[in-house]
């Protein structure tokens, strides 16, 4: 799951806001799965 994030980060190095949003989305998804 880290590969797409790393690839996206390398692909868009000037988009920290978008990268942060992606990380938050993945974290939120993980929390939802852990809650279930």
PDB file of N, CA and C in Angstrom:
ATOM      1  N   UNK A   1       0.849  -1.207   0.000  1.00  0.00           N
ATOM      2  CA  UNK A   1       0.000   0.000   0.000  1.00  0.00           C
ATOM      3  C   UNK A   1       0.882   1.254   0.000  1.00  0.00           C
ATOM      4  N   UNK A   2       2.147   1.091   0.376  1.00  0.00           N
ATOM      5  CA  UNK A   2       3.055   2.235   0.406  1.00  0.00           C
ATOM      6  C   UNK A   2       3.564   2.570  -0.989  1.00  0.00           C
ATOM      7  N   UNK A   3       3.539   1.590  -1.895  1.00  0.00           N
ATOM      8  CA  UNK A   3       4.059   1.833  -3.251  1.00  0.00           C
ATOM      9  C   UNK A   3       3.288   2.917  -3.983  1.00  0.00           C
ATOM     10  N   UNK A   4       1.938   2.850  -4.037  1.00  0.00           N
ATOM     11  CA  UNK A   4       1.189   3.907  -4.739  1.00  0.00           C
ATOM     12  C   UNK A   4       1.435   5.280  -4.131  1.00  0.00           C
ATOM     13  N   UNK A   5       1.531   5.348  -2.802  1.00  0.00           N
ATOM     14  CA  UNK A   5       1.745   6.637  -2.136  1.00  0.00           C
ATOM     15  C   UNK A   5       3.130   7.180  -2.489  1.00  0.00           C
ATOM     16  N   UNK A   6       4.129   6.292  -2.462  1.00  0.00           N
ATOM     17  CA  UNK A   6       5.492   6.720  -2.786  1.00  0.00           C
ATOM     18  C   UNK A   6       5.565   7.158  -4.237  1.00  0.00           C
ATOM     19  N   UNK A   7       4.936   6.377  -5.129  1.00  0.00           N
ATOM     20  CA  UNK A   7       4.941   6.719  -6.553  1.00  0.00           C
ATOM     21  C   UNK A   7       4.246   8.052  -6.786  1.00  0.00           C
ATOM     22  N   UNK A   8       3.138   8.262  -6.097  1.00  0.00           N
ATOM     23  CA  UNK A   8       2.389   9.511  -6.248  1.00  0.00           C
ATOM     24  C   UNK A   8       3.207  10.684  -5.731  1.00  0.00           C
ATOM     25  N   UNK A   9       3.921  10.442  -4.625  1.00  0.00           N
ATOM     26  CA  UNK A   9       4.734  11.507  -4.025  1.00  0.00           C
ATOM     27  C   UNK A   9       5.882  11.873  -4.959  1.00  0.00           C
ATOM     28  N   UNK A  10       6.493  10.860  -5.586  1.00  0.00           N
ATOM     29  CA  UNK A  10       7.597  11.114  -6.512  1.00  0.00           C
ATOM     30  C   UNK A  10       7.070  11.765  -7.795  1.00  0.00           C
ATOM     31  N   UNK A  11       5.850  11.409  -8.146  1.00  0.00           N
ATOM     32  CA  UNK A  11       5.254  11.942  -9.373  1.00  0.00           C
ATOM     33  C   UNK A  11       4.839  13.397  -9.179  1.00  0.00           C
ATOM     34  N   UNK A  12       4.361  13.735  -7.967  1.00  0.00           N
ATOM     35  CA  UNK A  12       3.909  15.101  -7.678  1.00  0.00           C
ATOM     36  C   UNK A  12       4.676  15.652  -6.480  1.00  0.00           C
ATOM     37  N   UNK A  13       5.980  15.930  -6.641  1.00  0.00           N
ATOM     38  CA  UNK A  13       6.780  16.397  -5.502  1.00  0.00           C
ATOM     39  C   UNK A  13       6.382  17.807  -5.052  1.00  0.00           C
ATOM     40  N   UNK A  14       5.704  18.564  -5.941  1.00  0.00           N
ATOM     41  CA  UNK A  14       5.342  19.935  -5.589  1.00  0.00           C
ATOM     42  C   UNK A  14       3.910  20.031  -5.090  1.00  0.00           C
ATOM     43  N   UNK A  15       3.322  18.868  -4.726  1.00  0.00           N
ATOM     44  CA  UNK A  15       1.934  18.896  -4.256  1.00  0.00           C
ATOM     45  C   UNK A  15       1.820  18.335  -2.858  1.00  0.00           C
ATOM     46  N   UNK A  16       2.443  18.981  -1.865  1.00  0.00           N
ATOM     47  CA  UNK A  16       2.403  18.459  -0.490  1.00  0.00           C
ATOM     48  C   UNK A  16       0.991  18.379   0.063  1.00  0.00           C
ATOM     49  N   UNK A  17       0.140  19.318  -0.368  1.00  0.00           N
ATOM     50  CA  UNK A  17      -1.239  19.313   0.140  1.00  0.00           C
ATOM     51  C   UNK A  17      -1.971  18.072  -0.358  1.00  0.00           C
ATOM     52  N   UNK A  18      -1.754  17.732  -1.632  1.00  0.00           N
ATOM     53  CA  UNK A  18      -2.413  16.548  -2.197  1.00  0.00           C
ATOM     54  C   UNK A  18      -1.871  15.284  -1.557  1.00  0.00           C
ATOM     55  N   UNK A  19      -0.550  15.259  -1.339  1.00  0.00           N
ATOM     56  CA  UNK A  19       0.060  14.090  -0.702  1.00  0.00           C
ATOM     57  C   UNK A  19      -0.473  13.928   0.712  1.00  0.00           C
ATOM     58  N   UNK A  20      -0.601  15.042   1.429  1.00  0.00           N
ATOM     59  CA  UNK A  20      -1.126  14.993   2.794  1.00  0.00           C
ATOM     60  C   UNK A  20      -2.556  14.468   2.782  1.00  0.00           C
ATOM     61  N   UNK A  21      -3.336  14.911   1.815  1.00  0.00           N
ATOM     62  CA  UNK A  21      -4.716  14.440   1.700  1.00  0.00           C
ATOM     63  C   UNK A  21      -4.772  12.941   1.452  1.00  0.00           C
ATOM     64  N   UNK A  22      -3.846  12.456   0.616  1.00  0.00           N
ATOM     65  CA  UNK A  22      -3.808  11.019   0.319  1.00  0.00           C
ATOM     66  C   UNK A  22      -3.459  10.226   1.576  1.00  0.00           C
ATOM     67  N   UNK A  23      -2.474  10.738   2.327  1.00  0.00           N
ATOM     68  CA  UNK A  23      -2.062  10.051   3.559  1.00  0.00           C
ATOM     69  C   UNK A  23      -3.216  10.032   4.557  1.00  0.00           C
ATOM     70  N   UNK A  24      -3.925  11.152   4.665  1.00  0.00           N
ATOM     71  CA  UNK A  24      -5.052  11.216   5.608  1.00  0.00           C
ATOM     72  C   UNK A  24      -6.159  10.258   5.172  1.00  0.00           C
ATOM     73  N   UNK A  25      -6.381  10.159   3.878  1.00  0.00           N
ATOM     74  CA  UNK A  25      -7.425   9.266   3.372  1.00  0.00           C
ATOM     75  C   UNK A  25      -7.070   7.812   3.683  1.00  0.00           C
ATOM     76  N   UNK A  26      -5.807   7.451   3.471  1.00  0.00           N
ATOM     77  CA  UNK A  26      -5.370   6.072   3.753  1.00  0.00           C
ATOM     78  C   UNK A  26      -5.460   5.787   5.250  1.00  0.00           C
ATOM     79  N   UNK A  27      -5.049   6.766   6.068  1.00  0.00           N
ATOM     80  CA  UNK A  27      -5.114   6.589   7.521  1.00  0.00           C
ATOM     81  C   UNK A  27      -6.565   6.425   7.973  1.00  0.00           C
ATOM     82  N   UNK A  28      -7.450   7.233   7.399  1.00  0.00           N
ATOM     83  CA  UNK A  28      -8.863   7.149   7.755  1.00  0.00           C
ATOM     84  C   UNK A  28      -9.445   5.800   7.366  1.00  0.00           C
ATOM     85  N   UNK A  29      -9.056   5.303   6.189  1.00  0.00           N
ATOM     86  CA  UNK A  29      -9.544   3.996   5.744  1.00  0.00           C
ATOM     87  C   UNK A  29      -9.049   2.901   6.679  1.00  0.00           C
ATOM     88  N   UNK A  30      -7.787   3.008   7.079  1.00  0.00           N
ATOM     89  CA  UNK A  30      -7.214   2.000   7.982  1.00  0.00           C
ATOM     90  C   UNK A  30      -7.951   2.023   9.322  1.00  0.00           C
ATOM     91  N   UNK A  31      -8.257   3.231   9.816  1.00  0.00           N
ATOM     92  CA  UNK A  31      -8.968   3.338  11.096  1.00  0.00           C
ATOM     93  C   UNK A  31     -10.358   2.726  10.994  1.00  0.00           C
ATOM     94  N   UNK A  32     -11.008   2.919   9.834  1.00  0.00           N
ATOM     95  CA  UNK A  32     -12.348   2.356   9.654  1.00  0.00           C
ATOM     96  C   UNK A  32     -12.281   0.823   9.680  1.00  0.00           C
ATOM     97  N   UNK A  33     -11.274   0.268   8.992  1.00  0.00           N
ATOM     98  CA  UNK A  33     -11.133  -1.197   8.974  1.00  0.00           C
ATOM     99  C   UNK A  33     -10.810  -1.727  10.372  1.00  0.00           C
ATOM    100  N   UNK A  34      -9.981  -0.976  11.115  1.00  0.00           N
ATOM    101  CA  UNK A  34      -9.629  -1.413  12.473  1.00  0.00           C
ATOM    102  C   UNK A  34     -10.855  -1.335  13.381  1.00  0.00           C
ATOM    103  N   UNK A  35     -11.696  -0.315  13.146  1.00  0.00           N
ATOM    104  CA  UNK A  35     -12.884  -0.163  13.984  1.00  0.00           C
ATOM    105  C   UNK A  35     -13.848  -1.323  13.751  1.00  0.00           C
ATOM    106  N   UNK A  36     -13.906  -1.802  12.515  1.00  0.00           N
ATOM    107  CA  UNK A  36     -14.800  -2.924  12.195  1.00  0.00           C
ATOM    108  C   UNK A  36     -14.145  -4.231  12.641  1.00  0.00           C
TER     109      UNK A  36
END
